[in-house]
Amino acid sequence: MPLGITITFENFIKGITYFSDEKENKNQIPIYHRAASCWNKRKNFRDLISQNYISEEEKKKHILKCYLERLIYDDMYKHLTLHFPKNMNTQELTQNIGHLHQLNSRSQNYYNHFLGEDIKIELFYDNLFPSMLNVYYLKNNILQRTEQFLKSTFIDDYGNTQYSNNVYCTKIEGGNETHFVQSF
């Protein structure tokens, strides 16, 4: 049974990093375990990347998507789950050790392929639902471009919060802004 955060994560990234042509016959939970992102956690990510991609650009695109989705999930995990301090003297949050290991592995993989580059995210929430994502791409600590994704929510006929189908996107690079709409 997936956590509520896992379901929210999947619905939020639809049209941002997850698209309908990436659906698989079997449901991967969390969705970042699909082949178009991080693959199954039981398989070696580096081996899978090496076996499935010929060009370095394809590898980098895949690695970026996986790491970005892990960063989004991590931010949601920190904001939307109940945490208890490890002990009475610290406010450090406890997290699933496997989750932290995978995030660290994906981080190392990203930095090995994107030398001198960094990626930061900023998530904004509306009533405990992520609604806006800013992705900052840096090279040698200098901002190169920003991508913004806005996804609105609505209350359906049954009182459940749902995401709208459209994602409103803005890409800012070199002083130029490009606006477009994506969907799942």
C-alpha atoms as a PDB file:
ATOM      1  CA  MET A   1       0.000   0.000   0.000  1.00  0.00           C
ATOM      2  CA  PRO A   2       1.690   3.245  -1.091  1.00  0.00           C
ATOM      3  CA  LEU A   3       1.978   6.170   1.292  1.00  0.00           C
ATOM      4  CA  GLY A   4      -0.210   9.199   0.604  1.00  0.00           C
ATOM      5  CA  ILE A   5       2.944  11.160  -0.227  1.00  0.00           C
ATOM      6  CA  THR A   6       3.781   8.596  -2.933  1.00  0.00           C
ATOM      7  CA  ILE A   7       0.384   9.058  -4.577  1.00  0.00           C
ATOM      8  CA  THR A   8       0.638  12.862  -4.317  1.00  0.00           C
ATOM      9  CA  PHE A   9       4.166  12.746  -5.763  1.00  0.00           C
ATOM     10  CA  GLU A  10       3.021  10.718  -8.776  1.00  0.00           C
ATOM     11  CA  ASN A  11       0.097  13.039  -9.466  1.00  0.00           C
ATOM     12  CA  PHE A  12       2.235  16.161  -9.029  1.00  0.00           C
ATOM     13  CA  ILE A  13       5.003  15.145 -11.451  1.00  0.00           C
ATOM     14  CA  LYS A  14       2.548  14.168 -14.202  1.00  0.00           C
ATOM     15  CA  GLY A  15       3.262  16.624 -16.993  1.00  0.00           C
ATOM     16  CA  ILE A  16       6.463  17.847 -15.296  1.00  0.00           C
ATOM     17  CA  THR A  17       8.864  14.893 -15.497  1.00  0.00           C
ATOM     18  CA  TYR A  18       6.407  12.023 -15.999  1.00  0.00           C
ATOM     19  CA  PHE A  19       4.464  11.660 -19.253  1.00  0.00           C
ATOM     20  CA  SER A  20       1.876   9.219 -20.620  1.00  0.00           C
ATOM     21  CA  ASP A  21       4.350   7.574 -23.023  1.00  0.00           C
ATOM     22  CA  GLU A  22       6.344   6.415 -19.978  1.00  0.00           C
ATOM     23  CA  LYS A  23       3.527   4.295 -18.537  1.00  0.00           C
ATOM     24  CA  GLU A  24       4.472   0.690 -17.947  1.00  0.00           C
ATOM     25  CA  ASN A  25       2.371  -2.467 -17.767  1.00  0.00           C
ATOM     26  CA  LYS A  26       3.146  -2.903 -14.097  1.00  0.00           C
ATOM     27  CA  ASN A  27       2.832  -0.026 -11.696  1.00  0.00           C
ATOM     28  CA  GLN A  28       6.097   1.051 -10.159  1.00  0.00           C
ATOM     29  CA  ILE A  29       5.779   2.469  -6.647  1.00  0.00           C
ATOM     30  CA  PRO A  30       7.070   5.081  -6.170  1.00  0.00           C
ATOM     31  CA  ILE A  31       6.770   6.094  -9.808  1.00  0.00           C
ATOM     32  CA  TYR A  32      10.466   7.043  -9.973  1.00  0.00           C
ATOM     33  CA  HIS A  33      11.147   3.291 -10.172  1.00  0.00           C
ATOM     34  CA  ARG A  34       9.849   3.254 -13.770  1.00  0.00           C
ATOM     35  CA  ALA A  35      12.316   2.589 -16.584  1.00  0.00           C
ATOM     36  CA  ALA A  36      12.153   6.216 -17.794  1.00  0.00           C
ATOM     37  CA  SER A  37      13.475   7.435 -14.440  1.00  0.00           C
ATOM     38  CA  CYS A  38      15.496   5.542 -11.791  1.00  0.00           C
ATOM     39  CA  TRP A  39      14.481   1.951 -12.620  1.00  0.00           C
ATOM     40  CA  ASN A  40      13.964  -0.761 -10.085  1.00  0.00           C
ATOM     41  CA  LYS A  41      15.908  -0.133  -6.893  1.00  0.00           C
ATOM     42  CA  ARG A  42      17.104  -3.740  -6.812  1.00  0.00           C
ATOM     43  CA  LYS A  43      19.119  -3.283 -10.007  1.00  0.00           C
ATOM     44  CA  ASN A  44      22.383  -1.380 -10.284  1.00  0.00           C
ATOM     45  CA  PHE A  45      21.547   2.031 -11.766  1.00  0.00           C
ATOM     46  CA  ARG A  46      24.997   2.546 -13.310  1.00  0.00           C
ATOM     47  CA  ASP A  47      24.877  -0.854 -15.036  1.00  0.00           C
ATOM     48  CA  LEU A  48      21.381  -0.159 -16.383  1.00  0.00           C
ATOM     49  CA  ILE A  49      22.453   3.248 -17.722  1.00  0.00           C
ATOM     50  CA  SER A  50      25.512   1.740 -19.408  1.00  0.00           C
ATOM     51  CA  GLN A  51      23.532  -1.123 -20.965  1.00  0.00           C
ATOM     52  CA  ASN A  52      20.596   0.944 -22.243  1.00  0.00           C
ATOM     53  CA  TYR A  53      22.100   4.137 -23.620  1.00  0.00           C
ATOM     54  CA  ILE A  54      24.657   4.655 -26.329  1.00  0.00           C
ATOM     55  CA  SER A  55      25.083   8.421 -26.322  1.00  0.00           C
ATOM     56  CA  GLU A  56      26.345  10.438 -23.394  1.00  0.00           C
ATOM     57  CA  GLU A  57      23.490  12.930 -23.889  1.00  0.00           C
ATOM     58  CA  GLU A  58      20.887  10.171 -23.440  1.00  0.00           C
ATOM     59  CA  LYS A  59      22.619   9.017 -20.268  1.00  0.00           C
ATOM     60  CA  LYS A  60      22.766  12.532 -18.883  1.00  0.00           C
ATOM     61  CA  LYS A  61      19.099  13.196 -19.622  1.00  0.00           C
ATOM     62  CA  HIS A  62      18.100  10.013 -17.821  1.00  0.00           C
ATOM     63  CA  ILE A  63      20.366  10.704 -14.842  1.00  0.00           C
ATOM     64  CA  LEU A  64      19.013  14.250 -14.552  1.00  0.00           C
ATOM     65  CA  LYS A  65      15.384  13.083 -14.553  1.00  0.00           C
ATOM     66  CA  CYS A  66      16.058  10.441 -11.908  1.00  0.00           C
ATOM     67  CA  TYR A  67      17.910  12.841  -9.632  1.00  0.00           C
ATOM     68  CA  LEU A  68      15.331  15.611 -10.092  1.00  0.00           C
ATOM     69  CA  GLU A  69      12.490  13.257  -9.170  1.00  0.00           C
ATOM     70  CA  ARG A  70      14.404  12.053  -6.118  1.00  0.00           C
ATOM     71  CA  LEU A  71      14.937  15.681  -5.023  1.00  0.00           C
ATOM     72  CA  ILE A  72      11.222  16.411  -5.429  1.00  0.00           C
ATOM     73  CA  TYR A  73      10.242  13.308  -3.481  1.00  0.00           C
ATOM     74  CA  ASP A  74      12.765  14.152  -0.760  1.00  0.00           C
ATOM     75  CA  ASP A  75      11.365  17.670  -0.360  1.00  0.00           C
ATOM     76  CA  MET A  76       7.826  16.305  -0.176  1.00  0.00           C
ATOM     77  CA  TYR A  77       8.922  13.649   2.311  1.00  0.00           C
ATOM     78  CA  LYS A  78      10.428  16.308   4.574  1.00  0.00           C
ATOM     79  CA  HIS A  79       7.383  18.585   4.360  1.00  0.00           C
ATOM     80  CA  LEU A  80       4.502  16.140   4.330  1.00  0.00           C
ATOM     81  CA  THR A  81       5.403  13.313   6.690  1.00  0.00           C
ATOM     82  CA  LEU A  82       5.490  13.208  10.454  1.00  0.00           C
ATOM     83  CA  HIS A  83       9.039  13.089  11.825  1.00  0.00           C
ATOM     84  CA  PHE A  84      10.395  12.398  15.246  1.00  0.00           C
ATOM     85  CA  PRO A  85      13.840  13.485  16.487  1.00  0.00           C
ATOM     86  CA  LYS A  86      16.442  10.729  16.743  1.00  0.00           C
ATOM     87  CA  ASN A  87      16.889  11.621  20.401  1.00  0.00           C
ATOM     88  CA  MET A  88      15.952  14.356  22.852  1.00  0.00           C
ATOM     89  CA  ASN A  89      19.072  16.441  22.146  1.00  0.00           C
ATOM     90  CA  THR A  90      18.665  16.870  18.403  1.00  0.00           C
ATOM     91  CA  GLN A  91      16.081  18.167  15.997  1.00  0.00           C
ATOM     92  CA  GLU A  92      17.548  16.206  13.083  1.00  0.00           C
ATOM     93  CA  LEU A  93      14.807  14.451  11.166  1.00  0.00           C
ATOM     94  CA  THR A  94      14.824  10.695  10.792  1.00  0.00           C
ATOM     95  CA  GLN A  95      14.181   9.319   7.345  1.00  0.00           C
ATOM     96  CA  ASN A  96      14.068   5.937   5.735  1.00  0.00           C
ATOM     97  CA  ILE A  97      17.692   4.760   5.429  1.00  0.00           C
ATOM     98  CA  GLY A  98      17.073   3.172   2.015  1.00  0.00           C
ATOM     99  CA  HIS A  99      15.567   6.430   0.744  1.00  0.00           C
ATOM    100  CA  LEU A 100      18.585   8.418   1.954  1.00  0.00           C
ATOM    101  CA  HIS A 101      20.996   5.888   0.440  1.00  0.00           C
ATOM    102  CA  GLN A 102      19.276   6.080  -2.958  1.00  0.00           C
ATOM    103  CA  LEU A 103      19.186   9.884  -2.854  1.00  0.00           C
ATOM    104  CA  ASN A 104      22.901   9.962  -2.054  1.00  0.00           C
ATOM    105  CA  SER A 105      23.679   7.465  -4.844  1.00  0.00           C
ATOM    106  CA  ARG A 106      21.661   9.459  -7.395  1.00  0.00           C
ATOM    107  CA  SER A 107      23.372  12.651  -6.228  1.00  0.00           C
ATOM    108  CA  GLN A 108      26.830  11.116  -6.742  1.00  0.00           C
ATOM    109  CA  ASN A 109      25.796   9.798 -10.133  1.00  0.00           C
ATOM    110  CA  TYR A 110      24.529  13.237 -11.152  1.00  0.00           C
ATOM    111  CA  TYR A 111      27.708  15.041 -10.064  1.00  0.00           C
ATOM    112  CA  ASN A 112      29.895  12.449 -11.817  1.00  0.00           C
ATOM    113  CA  HIS A 113      28.161  13.160 -15.136  1.00  0.00           C
ATOM    114  CA  PHE A 114      27.548  16.893 -14.718  1.00  0.00           C
ATOM    115  CA  LEU A 115      30.965  18.144 -13.644  1.00  0.00           C
ATOM    116  CA  GLY A 116      30.863  21.645 -12.180  1.00  0.00           C
ATOM    117  CA  GLU A 117      27.080  21.706 -12.443  1.00  0.00           C
ATOM    118  CA  ASP A 118      24.464  21.691  -9.728  1.00  0.00           C
ATOM    119  CA  ILE A 119      20.715  21.532  -9.521  1.00  0.00           C
ATOM    120  CA  LYS A 120      18.548  22.974  -6.754  1.00  0.00           C
ATOM    121  CA  ILE A 121      14.817  22.806  -6.335  1.00  0.00           C
ATOM    122  CA  GLU A 122      12.250  24.859  -4.494  1.00  0.00           C
ATOM    123  CA  LEU A 123       8.751  23.511  -3.925  1.00  0.00           C
ATOM    124  CA  PHE A 124       5.793  25.622  -2.869  1.00  0.00           C
ATOM    125  CA  TYR A 125       2.756  24.052  -1.248  1.00  0.00           C
ATOM    126  CA  ASP A 126      -0.928  24.926  -1.281  1.00  0.00           C
ATOM    127  CA  ASN A 127      -2.847  23.248   1.549  1.00  0.00           C
ATOM    128  CA  LEU A 128      -0.211  20.507   1.845  1.00  0.00           C
ATOM    129  CA  PHE A 129      -0.170  19.829  -1.898  1.00  0.00           C
ATOM    130  CA  PRO A 130       2.883  20.819  -3.944  1.00  0.00           C
ATOM    131  CA  SER A 131       1.718  23.372  -6.480  1.00  0.00           C
ATOM    132  CA  MET A 132       4.808  25.072  -7.858  1.00  0.00           C
ATOM    133  CA  LEU A 133       8.273  23.771  -8.594  1.00  0.00           C
ATOM    134  CA  ASN A 134      11.300  25.911  -9.360  1.00  0.00           C
ATOM    135  CA  VAL A 135      14.362  24.126 -10.717  1.00  0.00           C
ATOM    136  CA  TYR A 136      17.626  26.073 -10.686  1.00  0.00           C
ATOM    137  CA  TYR A 137      20.490  24.921 -12.912  1.00  0.00           C
ATOM    138  CA  LEU A 138      23.908  26.210 -11.877  1.00  0.00           C
ATOM    139  CA  LYS A 139      27.351  25.880 -13.395  1.00  0.00           C
ATOM    140  CA  ASN A 140      30.367  26.771 -11.262  1.00  0.00           C
ATOM    141  CA  ASN A 141      27.887  28.261  -8.730  1.00  0.00           C
ATOM    142  CA  ILE A 142      26.432  30.656 -11.345  1.00  0.00           C
ATOM    143  CA  LEU A 143      22.746  30.395 -12.231  1.00  0.00           C
ATOM    144  CA  GLN A 144      22.415  29.311 -15.871  1.00  0.00           C
ATOM    145  CA  ARG A 145      18.670  28.814 -16.169  1.00  0.00           C
ATOM    146  CA  THR A 146      15.492  28.414 -14.163  1.00  0.00           C
ATOM    147  CA  GLU A 147      12.497  26.256 -14.961  1.00  0.00           C
ATOM    148  CA  GLN A 148       9.187  26.909 -13.230  1.00  0.00           C
ATOM    149  CA  PHE A 149       6.245  24.537 -13.194  1.00  0.00           C
ATOM    150  CA  LEU A 150       2.834  25.543 -11.863  1.00  0.00           C
ATOM    151  CA  LYS A 151       0.154  22.949 -11.289  1.00  0.00           C
ATOM    152  CA  SER A 152      -3.173  24.037  -9.876  1.00  0.00           C
ATOM    153  CA  THR A 153      -5.456  21.962  -7.694  1.00  0.00           C
ATOM    154  CA  PHE A 154      -9.220  21.759  -7.416  1.00  0.00           C
ATOM    155  CA  ILE A 155     -11.729  19.983  -5.197  1.00  0.00           C
ATOM    156  CA  ASP A 156     -13.673  17.312  -7.082  1.00  0.00           C
ATOM    157  CA  ASP A 157     -17.336  16.389  -6.553  1.00  0.00           C
ATOM    158  CA  TYR A 158     -16.364  13.991  -3.757  1.00  0.00           C
ATOM    159  CA  GLY A 159     -14.352  16.567  -1.803  1.00  0.00           C
ATOM    160  CA  ASN A 160     -10.942  15.229  -2.875  1.00  0.00           C
ATOM    161  CA  THR A 161      -8.119  17.482  -3.948  1.00  0.00           C
ATOM    162  CA  GLN A 162      -7.106  16.790  -7.541  1.00  0.00           C
ATOM    163  CA  TYR A 163      -4.502  18.281  -9.870  1.00  0.00           C
ATOM    164  CA  SER A 164      -5.534  19.954 -13.095  1.00  0.00           C
ATOM    165  CA  ASN A 165      -4.261  18.350 -16.304  1.00  0.00           C
ATOM    166  CA  ASN A 166      -2.214  21.323 -17.496  1.00  0.00           C
ATOM    167  CA  VAL A 167       1.183  22.344 -16.199  1.00  0.00           C
ATOM    168  CA  TYR A 168       2.109  25.978 -16.838  1.00  0.00           C
ATOM    169  CA  CYS A 169       5.821  26.200 -17.499  1.00  0.00           C
ATOM    170  CA  THR A 170       8.315  29.031 -17.705  1.00  0.00           C
ATOM    171  CA  LYS A 171      11.928  28.666 -18.783  1.00  0.00           C
ATOM    172  CA  ILE A 172      14.227  31.581 -17.967  1.00  0.00           C
ATOM    173  CA  GLU A 173      17.635  31.560 -19.614  1.00  0.00           C
ATOM    174  CA  GLY A 174      19.931  34.371 -20.685  1.00  0.00           C
ATOM    175  CA  GLY A 175      17.351  36.998 -19.763  1.00  0.00           C
ATOM    176  CA  ASN A 176      14.724  35.400 -22.017  1.00  0.00           C
ATOM    177  CA  GLU A 177      11.479  33.891 -20.769  1.00  0.00           C
ATOM    178  CA  THR A 178       9.648  31.171 -22.634  1.00  0.00           C
ATOM    179  CA  HIS A 179       6.129  30.178 -21.551  1.00  0.00           C
ATOM    180  CA  PHE A 180       4.442  26.929 -22.544  1.00  0.00           C
ATOM    181  CA  VAL A 181       1.920  24.383 -21.338  1.00  0.00           C
ATOM    182  CA  GLN A 182       2.553  20.669 -20.816  1.00  0.00           C
ATOM    183  CA  SER A 183       0.289  17.835 -19.771  1.00  0.00           C
ATOM    184  CA  PHE A 184       0.599  14.177 -18.849  1.00  0.00           C
END
